[in-house]
């Protein structure tokens, strides 16, 4: 199994993000199929949706309802996903589990809090 990732530039994260900035766009057993899908997807994302959003966006205004509405319309129009951030990169990676469920693990032992004296 292979996974197509949409990876956002580090500057796209904010202080509230607790994990890295990426979205899973597609999963397929064929890497070649994902490469074909990516060829069209990347064009729609970068050359259409992001450019349209950037041309519309007034960066002097804070993000608001108008931004949410336009963002949603462009996602639908161009059939793309996630955030519209110029500079996003795409990567196809092998799925480590090979599509099989991950075996259950032993529960971790609780960690005792340190006592300061």
N, C-alpha and C. Protein backbone atom coordinates (compact mmCIF):
# COMPACT_ATOMS: atom_id res chain seq x y z
N UNK A 1 0.84 -1.18 0.00
CA UNK A 1 0.00 0.00 0.00
C UNK A 1 0.88 1.24 0.00
N UNK A 2 0.38 2.27 -0.68
CA UNK A 2 1.10 3.54 -0.76
C UNK A 2 0.14 4.67 -0.38
N UNK A 3 0.71 5.75 0.13
CA UNK A 3 -0.07 6.89 0.60
C UNK A 3 0.47 8.15 -0.06
N UNK A 4 -0.44 8.98 -0.57
CA UNK A 4 -0.08 10.28 -1.13
C UNK A 4 -0.29 11.33 -0.04
N UNK A 5 0.81 12.01 0.32
CA UNK A 5 0.77 13.03 1.36
C UNK A 5 0.87 14.42 0.75
N UNK A 6 0.13 15.34 1.31
CA UNK A 6 0.23 16.76 0.98
C UNK A 6 0.91 17.40 2.20
N UNK A 7 2.16 17.84 2.02
CA UNK A 7 2.97 18.32 3.13
C UNK A 7 3.11 19.84 3.03
N UNK A 8 2.68 20.52 4.08
CA UNK A 8 2.70 21.97 4.09
C UNK A 8 4.05 22.48 4.60
N UNK A 9 4.47 23.68 4.15
CA UNK A 9 5.74 24.23 4.62
C UNK A 9 5.68 24.50 6.13
N UNK A 10 6.83 24.45 6.81
CA UNK A 10 6.85 24.64 8.26
C UNK A 10 6.21 25.95 8.72
N UNK A 11 6.34 26.99 7.93
CA UNK A 11 5.76 28.27 8.33
C UNK A 11 4.23 28.25 8.33
N UNK A 12 3.63 27.20 7.82
CA UNK A 12 2.17 27.09 7.81
C UNK A 12 1.61 26.69 9.18
N UNK A 13 2.45 26.14 10.04
CA UNK A 13 1.95 25.73 11.35
C UNK A 13 1.83 26.94 12.26
N UNK A 14 0.96 26.79 13.25
CA UNK A 14 0.88 27.84 14.25
C UNK A 14 1.17 27.22 15.61
N UNK A 15 1.15 28.02 16.61
CA UNK A 15 1.55 27.54 17.94
C UNK A 15 0.63 26.47 18.48
N UNK A 16 -0.60 26.40 18.00
CA UNK A 16 -1.56 25.43 18.51
C UNK A 16 -1.42 24.06 17.86
N UNK A 17 -0.64 23.96 16.77
CA UNK A 17 -0.48 22.67 16.10
C UNK A 17 0.32 21.72 16.99
N UNK A 18 -0.21 20.55 17.19
CA UNK A 18 0.46 19.56 18.03
C UNK A 18 1.12 18.46 17.20
N UNK A 19 0.92 18.49 15.92
CA UNK A 19 1.55 17.50 15.05
C UNK A 19 1.99 18.20 13.76
N UNK A 20 2.70 17.48 12.95
CA UNK A 20 3.21 18.09 11.73
C UNK A 20 2.07 18.44 10.78
N UNK A 21 2.39 19.25 9.83
CA UNK A 21 1.37 19.77 8.91
C UNK A 21 1.32 18.95 7.64
N UNK A 22 0.42 18.02 7.57
CA UNK A 22 0.23 17.24 6.36
C UNK A 22 -1.18 16.69 6.31
N UNK A 23 -1.59 16.34 5.12
CA UNK A 23 -2.87 15.68 4.91
C UNK A 23 -2.63 14.44 4.07
N UNK A 24 -3.37 13.38 4.35
CA UNK A 24 -3.37 12.19 3.50
C UNK A 24 -4.40 12.44 2.42
N UNK A 25 -3.95 12.41 1.16
CA UNK A 25 -4.82 12.73 0.04
C UNK A 25 -5.42 11.48 -0.58
N UNK A 26 -4.62 10.42 -0.70
CA UNK A 26 -5.11 9.20 -1.32
C UNK A 26 -4.28 8.01 -0.85
N UNK A 27 -4.89 6.83 -0.90
CA UNK A 27 -4.23 5.57 -0.56
C UNK A 27 -4.54 4.59 -1.68
N UNK A 28 -3.52 3.87 -2.12
CA UNK A 28 -3.72 2.92 -3.21
C UNK A 28 -2.67 1.81 -3.12
N UNK A 29 -3.00 0.65 -3.63
CA UNK A 29 -2.04 -0.46 -3.66
C UNK A 29 -0.99 -0.24 -4.73
N UNK A 30 -1.26 0.61 -5.69
CA UNK A 30 -0.35 0.85 -6.81
C UNK A 30 0.31 2.23 -6.70
N UNK A 31 1.63 2.24 -6.61
CA UNK A 31 2.35 3.51 -6.59
C UNK A 31 2.17 4.23 -7.92
N UNK A 32 2.15 3.49 -9.03
CA UNK A 32 1.97 4.09 -10.35
C UNK A 32 0.62 4.80 -10.45
N UNK A 33 -0.43 4.24 -9.87
CA UNK A 33 -1.75 4.89 -9.89
C UNK A 33 -1.71 6.20 -9.12
N UNK A 34 -1.04 6.20 -7.97
CA UNK A 34 -0.93 7.43 -7.20
C UNK A 34 -0.11 8.47 -7.94
N UNK A 35 0.91 8.06 -8.66
CA UNK A 35 1.71 9.00 -9.45
C UNK A 35 0.87 9.64 -10.54
N UNK A 36 0.01 8.85 -11.20
CA UNK A 36 -0.88 9.40 -12.23
C UNK A 36 -1.89 10.37 -11.60
N UNK A 37 -2.45 9.98 -10.48
CA UNK A 37 -3.40 10.84 -9.78
C UNK A 37 -2.73 12.14 -9.37
N UNK A 38 -1.52 12.03 -8.84
CA UNK A 38 -0.79 13.21 -8.38
C UNK A 38 -0.51 14.19 -9.51
N UNK A 39 -0.22 13.71 -10.69
CA UNK A 39 0.08 14.60 -11.82
C UNK A 39 -1.06 15.58 -12.06
N UNK A 40 -2.28 15.12 -12.01
CA UNK A 40 -3.43 15.99 -12.23
C UNK A 40 -3.77 16.77 -10.95
N UNK A 41 -3.68 16.12 -9.81
CA UNK A 41 -4.03 16.76 -8.55
C UNK A 41 -3.13 17.95 -8.25
N UNK A 42 -1.83 17.77 -8.43
CA UNK A 42 -0.87 18.83 -8.12
C UNK A 42 -1.14 20.08 -8.96
N UNK A 43 -1.49 19.87 -10.22
CA UNK A 43 -1.82 21.01 -11.08
C UNK A 43 -3.07 21.73 -10.56
N UNK A 44 -4.12 20.97 -10.24
CA UNK A 44 -5.36 21.59 -9.74
C UNK A 44 -5.11 22.34 -8.43
N UNK A 45 -4.27 21.76 -7.58
CA UNK A 45 -4.00 22.36 -6.28
C UNK A 45 -3.18 23.65 -6.42
N UNK A 46 -1.99 23.53 -7.06
CA UNK A 46 -1.06 24.67 -7.14
C UNK A 46 -1.47 25.71 -8.17
N UNK A 47 -1.77 25.28 -9.37
CA UNK A 47 -1.98 26.22 -10.47
C UNK A 47 -3.41 26.71 -10.57
N UNK A 48 -4.31 26.14 -9.82
CA UNK A 48 -5.70 26.59 -9.90
C UNK A 48 -6.18 27.07 -8.52
N UNK A 49 -6.35 26.16 -7.59
CA UNK A 49 -6.96 26.52 -6.31
C UNK A 49 -6.13 27.51 -5.51
N UNK A 50 -4.84 27.23 -5.31
CA UNK A 50 -4.00 28.15 -4.53
C UNK A 50 -3.87 29.51 -5.21
N UNK A 51 -3.67 29.51 -6.53
CA UNK A 51 -3.55 30.78 -7.24
C UNK A 51 -4.84 31.58 -7.17
N UNK A 52 -5.98 30.92 -7.32
CA UNK A 52 -7.26 31.63 -7.23
C UNK A 52 -7.47 32.20 -5.83
N UNK A 53 -7.15 31.41 -4.81
CA UNK A 53 -7.33 31.89 -3.44
C UNK A 53 -6.40 33.06 -3.16
N UNK A 54 -5.14 32.95 -3.54
CA UNK A 54 -4.18 34.04 -3.30
C UNK A 54 -4.58 35.32 -4.03
N UNK A 55 -5.12 35.18 -5.24
CA UNK A 55 -5.55 36.35 -6.00
C UNK A 55 -6.75 37.02 -5.33
N UNK A 56 -7.62 36.24 -4.72
CA UNK A 56 -8.82 36.76 -4.06
C UNK A 56 -8.50 37.34 -2.68
N UNK A 57 -7.59 36.72 -1.95
CA UNK A 57 -7.34 37.02 -0.54
C UNK A 57 -6.76 38.42 -0.34
N UNK A 58 -7.37 39.15 0.56
CA UNK A 58 -6.83 40.44 0.99
C UNK A 58 -6.09 40.15 2.30
N UNK A 59 -4.77 40.07 2.22
CA UNK A 59 -3.98 39.68 3.39
C UNK A 59 -4.05 40.70 4.52
N UNK A 60 -4.58 41.88 4.25
CA UNK A 60 -4.73 42.88 5.29
C UNK A 60 -5.89 42.53 6.24
N UNK A 61 -6.81 41.67 5.77
CA UNK A 61 -7.95 41.26 6.59
C UNK A 61 -7.63 39.98 7.35
N UNK A 62 -8.15 39.89 8.57
CA UNK A 62 -8.03 38.65 9.34
C UNK A 62 -8.94 37.59 8.72
N UNK A 63 -8.59 36.34 8.96
CA UNK A 63 -9.40 35.23 8.44
C UNK A 63 -10.78 35.32 9.06
N UNK A 64 -11.81 35.19 8.22
CA UNK A 64 -13.18 35.26 8.71
C UNK A 64 -14.10 34.38 7.90
N UNK A 65 -15.39 34.63 8.03
CA UNK A 65 -16.41 33.83 7.33
C UNK A 65 -16.23 33.87 5.82
N UNK A 66 -15.86 35.05 5.28
CA UNK A 66 -15.63 35.15 3.83
C UNK A 66 -14.54 34.19 3.38
N UNK A 67 -13.48 34.11 4.17
CA UNK A 67 -12.37 33.22 3.84
C UNK A 67 -12.82 31.76 3.88
N UNK A 68 -13.59 31.40 4.90
CA UNK A 68 -14.10 30.04 5.01
C UNK A 68 -14.95 29.68 3.79
N UNK A 69 -15.82 30.62 3.40
CA UNK A 69 -16.70 30.38 2.26
C UNK A 69 -15.89 30.20 0.98
N UNK A 70 -14.95 31.12 0.71
CA UNK A 70 -14.15 31.03 -0.51
C UNK A 70 -13.28 29.79 -0.52
N UNK A 71 -12.70 29.48 0.62
CA UNK A 71 -11.86 28.28 0.74
C UNK A 71 -12.68 27.04 0.38
N UNK A 72 -13.86 26.92 0.95
CA UNK A 72 -14.73 25.78 0.66
C UNK A 72 -15.15 25.71 -0.80
N UNK A 73 -15.47 26.86 -1.38
CA UNK A 73 -15.87 26.89 -2.80
C UNK A 73 -14.73 26.42 -3.70
N UNK A 74 -13.52 26.86 -3.42
CA UNK A 74 -12.38 26.47 -4.25
C UNK A 74 -12.02 25.00 -4.08
N UNK A 75 -12.14 24.48 -2.86
CA UNK A 75 -11.91 23.05 -2.65
C UNK A 75 -12.89 22.24 -3.50
N UNK A 76 -14.15 22.64 -3.47
CA UNK A 76 -15.17 21.94 -4.26
C UNK A 76 -14.93 22.10 -5.77
N UNK A 77 -14.67 23.32 -6.18
CA UNK A 77 -14.50 23.62 -7.60
C UNK A 77 -13.35 22.81 -8.22
N UNK A 78 -12.22 22.75 -7.52
CA UNK A 78 -11.04 22.09 -8.08
C UNK A 78 -10.83 20.67 -7.56
N UNK A 79 -11.74 20.20 -6.70
CA UNK A 79 -11.65 18.86 -6.14
C UNK A 79 -10.28 18.60 -5.52
N UNK A 80 -9.90 19.51 -4.61
CA UNK A 80 -8.67 19.37 -3.84
C UNK A 80 -9.04 19.36 -2.36
N UNK A 81 -8.07 19.09 -1.50
CA UNK A 81 -8.35 18.86 -0.09
C UNK A 81 -7.38 19.64 0.78
N UNK A 82 -7.74 19.79 2.04
CA UNK A 82 -6.85 20.39 3.02
C UNK A 82 -6.82 21.90 2.93
N UNK A 83 -5.68 22.46 3.30
CA UNK A 83 -5.49 23.90 3.29
C UNK A 83 -4.90 24.34 1.96
N UNK A 84 -5.27 25.53 1.52
CA UNK A 84 -4.75 26.06 0.26
C UNK A 84 -3.52 26.91 0.57
N UNK A 85 -2.37 26.26 0.63
CA UNK A 85 -1.13 26.92 1.02
C UNK A 85 -0.11 26.73 -0.08
N UNK A 86 0.26 27.85 -0.73
CA UNK A 86 1.30 27.78 -1.75
C UNK A 86 2.57 27.26 -1.11
N UNK A 87 3.28 26.41 -1.82
CA UNK A 87 4.51 25.84 -1.28
C UNK A 87 4.32 24.45 -0.71
N UNK A 88 3.09 23.96 -0.70
CA UNK A 88 2.88 22.58 -0.24
C UNK A 88 3.59 21.64 -1.21
N UNK A 89 4.11 20.57 -0.67
CA UNK A 89 4.77 19.56 -1.49
C UNK A 89 4.00 18.26 -1.38
N UNK A 90 4.27 17.35 -2.28
CA UNK A 90 3.56 16.08 -2.32
C UNK A 90 4.56 14.95 -2.29
N UNK A 91 4.20 13.90 -1.57
CA UNK A 91 5.11 12.78 -1.43
C UNK A 91 4.29 11.48 -1.40
N UNK A 92 4.79 10.49 -2.11
CA UNK A 92 4.17 9.17 -2.07
C UNK A 92 5.08 8.29 -1.23
N UNK A 93 4.53 7.69 -0.19
CA UNK A 93 5.31 6.85 0.71
C UNK A 93 4.66 5.48 0.85
N UNK A 94 5.50 4.49 1.14
CA UNK A 94 4.98 3.15 1.40
C UNK A 94 4.35 3.12 2.78
N UNK A 95 3.24 2.46 2.88
CA UNK A 95 2.55 2.30 4.16
C UNK A 95 3.27 1.20 4.94
N UNK A 96 3.74 1.52 6.12
CA UNK A 96 4.56 0.57 6.88
C UNK A 96 3.83 -0.70 7.25
N UNK A 97 2.53 -0.65 7.47
CA UNK A 97 1.79 -1.85 7.86
C UNK A 97 1.42 -2.69 6.65
N UNK A 98 1.69 -2.20 5.45
CA UNK A 98 1.31 -2.93 4.25
C UNK A 98 -0.18 -3.10 4.12
N UNK A 99 -0.94 -2.26 4.81
CA UNK A 99 -2.39 -2.34 4.75
C UNK A 99 -2.99 -3.31 5.74
N UNK A 100 -2.13 -4.00 6.51
CA UNK A 100 -2.62 -4.95 7.52
C UNK A 100 -2.80 -4.22 8.85
N UNK A 101 -3.73 -4.70 9.66
CA UNK A 101 -3.90 -4.07 10.97
C UNK A 101 -2.63 -4.21 11.80
N UNK A 102 -2.36 -3.19 12.58
CA UNK A 102 -1.20 -3.22 13.47
C UNK A 102 -1.56 -4.09 14.67
N UNK A 103 -0.68 -5.04 15.05
CA UNK A 103 -1.00 -5.91 16.18
C UNK A 103 -1.13 -5.10 17.48
N UNK A 104 -1.98 -5.62 18.35
CA UNK A 104 -2.16 -4.97 19.64
C UNK A 104 -0.84 -5.01 20.41
N UNK A 105 -0.59 -3.98 21.16
CA UNK A 105 0.63 -3.91 21.97
C UNK A 105 0.27 -4.06 23.44
N UNK A 106 1.27 -4.43 24.21
CA UNK A 106 1.09 -4.47 25.65
C UNK A 106 0.87 -3.05 26.14
N UNK A 107 -0.03 -2.85 27.08
CA UNK A 107 -0.20 -1.50 27.60
C UNK A 107 1.07 -1.05 28.32
N UNK A 108 1.33 0.23 28.25
CA UNK A 108 2.51 0.79 28.91
C UNK A 108 2.27 0.84 30.42
N UNK A 109 3.33 0.64 31.16
CA UNK A 109 3.25 0.78 32.61
C UNK A 109 3.09 2.26 32.94
N UNK A 110 2.28 2.59 33.92
CA UNK A 110 2.15 3.99 34.29
C UNK A 110 3.48 4.53 34.84
N UNK A 111 3.72 5.77 34.57
CA UNK A 111 4.92 6.41 35.06
C UNK A 111 4.58 7.14 36.34
N UNK A 112 5.37 6.87 37.40
CA UNK A 112 5.14 7.55 38.68
C UNK A 112 5.67 8.97 38.61
N UNK A 113 4.93 9.92 39.15
CA UNK A 113 5.42 11.30 39.14
C UNK A 113 6.64 11.42 40.05
N UNK A 114 7.53 12.33 39.67
CA UNK A 114 8.71 12.58 40.50
C UNK A 114 8.31 13.32 41.76
N UNK A 115 8.96 12.96 42.82
CA UNK A 115 8.71 13.67 44.08
C UNK A 115 9.91 14.55 44.34
N UNK A 116 9.67 15.84 44.45
CA UNK A 116 10.75 16.78 44.72
C UNK A 116 10.83 17.02 46.22
N UNK A 117 12.01 16.95 46.76
CA UNK A 117 12.10 17.10 48.20
C UNK A 117 13.01 18.11 48.70
